[in-house]
C-alpha cells in the first residue's frame, strides 16, 4: 500500500512539472512570502516552489499536521 502511494505521489509530481501554475500559491499570512504552492494527494500535501522554471519540492507532509507552523 505504501508503495502505491509513493508511485502516485511521484506520478503527480511529474504531472506538476508540465503546468505548475495551475495550483495557487499558499495565501496564509505567516508563509505567503515564501511563495510555496501545494498539491494535495490523498491525505498528503506536496509543498513546492517554482525556481528558474524548475519545480523544487520543499516538503511532503501528512495533511492532518499543523503544516503552517512546520514550513
Protein backbone atom coordinates (compact mmCIF):
# COMPACT_ATOMS: atom_id res chain seq x y z
CA UNK A 1 0.00 0.00 0.00
CA UNK A 2 2.80 2.45 0.86
CA UNK A 3 4.50 1.63 -2.44
CA UNK A 4 1.31 2.56 -4.33
CA UNK A 5 1.14 5.89 -2.52
CA UNK A 6 4.78 6.64 -3.35
CA UNK A 7 4.13 5.82 -7.02
CA UNK A 8 1.09 8.07 -7.05
CA UNK A 9 2.99 10.96 -5.45
CA UNK A 10 5.80 10.58 -8.00
CA UNK A 11 3.31 10.50 -10.88
CA UNK A 12 1.53 13.63 -9.64
CA UNK A 13 4.84 15.48 -9.20
CA UNK A 14 5.80 14.54 -12.77
CA UNK A 15 2.48 15.97 -13.98
CA UNK A 16 3.09 19.09 -11.90
CA UNK A 17 6.25 19.76 -13.92
CA UNK A 18 4.21 20.36 -17.07
CA UNK A 19 1.94 23.03 -15.53
CA UNK A 20 2.96 24.09 -12.02
CA UNK A 21 0.98 27.34 -12.21
CA UNK A 22 -2.37 25.55 -12.04
CA UNK A 23 -2.10 25.41 -8.26
CA UNK A 24 -2.29 28.67 -6.34
CA UNK A 25 0.47 29.94 -4.10
CA UNK A 26 -0.45 29.47 -0.43
CA UNK A 27 -2.04 32.68 0.81
CA UNK A 28 -1.62 32.14 4.56
CA UNK A 29 -0.30 35.31 6.20
CA UNK A 30 2.58 33.57 8.01
CA UNK A 31 4.10 31.99 4.89
CA UNK A 32 2.82 33.71 1.76
CA UNK A 33 6.15 35.50 1.31
CA UNK A 34 7.80 32.07 0.77
CA UNK A 35 5.81 31.65 -2.48
CA UNK A 36 5.08 27.99 -1.86
CA UNK A 37 2.43 26.07 -3.76
CA UNK A 38 0.68 22.97 -2.50
CA UNK A 39 -0.59 19.88 -4.22
CA UNK A 40 -2.85 17.53 -2.24
CA UNK A 41 -2.51 13.81 -2.95
CA UNK A 42 -4.73 11.52 -0.88
CA UNK A 43 -4.01 12.68 2.69
CA UNK A 44 -0.62 14.22 1.91
CA UNK A 45 0.43 17.68 0.81
CA UNK A 46 3.35 18.26 -1.52
CA UNK A 47 4.78 21.75 -0.95
CA UNK A 48 6.79 23.17 -3.83
CA UNK A 49 8.34 26.29 -5.29
CA UNK A 50 8.95 27.28 -8.88
CA UNK A 51 12.57 28.40 -9.31
CA UNK A 52 14.04 29.21 -12.73
CA UNK A 53 11.35 27.13 -14.47
CA UNK A 54 12.12 24.14 -12.22
CA UNK A 55 9.98 22.56 -9.53
CA UNK A 56 11.63 22.47 -6.11
CA UNK A 57 9.88 20.10 -3.69
CA UNK A 58 10.05 21.73 -0.28
CA UNK A 59 8.35 19.07 1.79
CA UNK A 60 5.78 16.28 1.73
CA UNK A 61 3.64 16.15 4.83
CA UNK A 62 0.55 14.41 6.19
CA UNK A 63 -2.45 16.69 5.72
CA UNK A 64 -3.57 16.40 9.35
CA UNK A 65 -0.43 18.07 10.72
CA UNK A 66 -0.20 21.76 11.57
CA UNK A 67 1.70 22.40 8.35
CA UNK A 68 1.75 26.20 8.51
CA UNK A 69 3.94 26.16 11.60
CA UNK A 70 6.13 23.38 10.21
CA UNK A 71 7.10 25.05 6.95
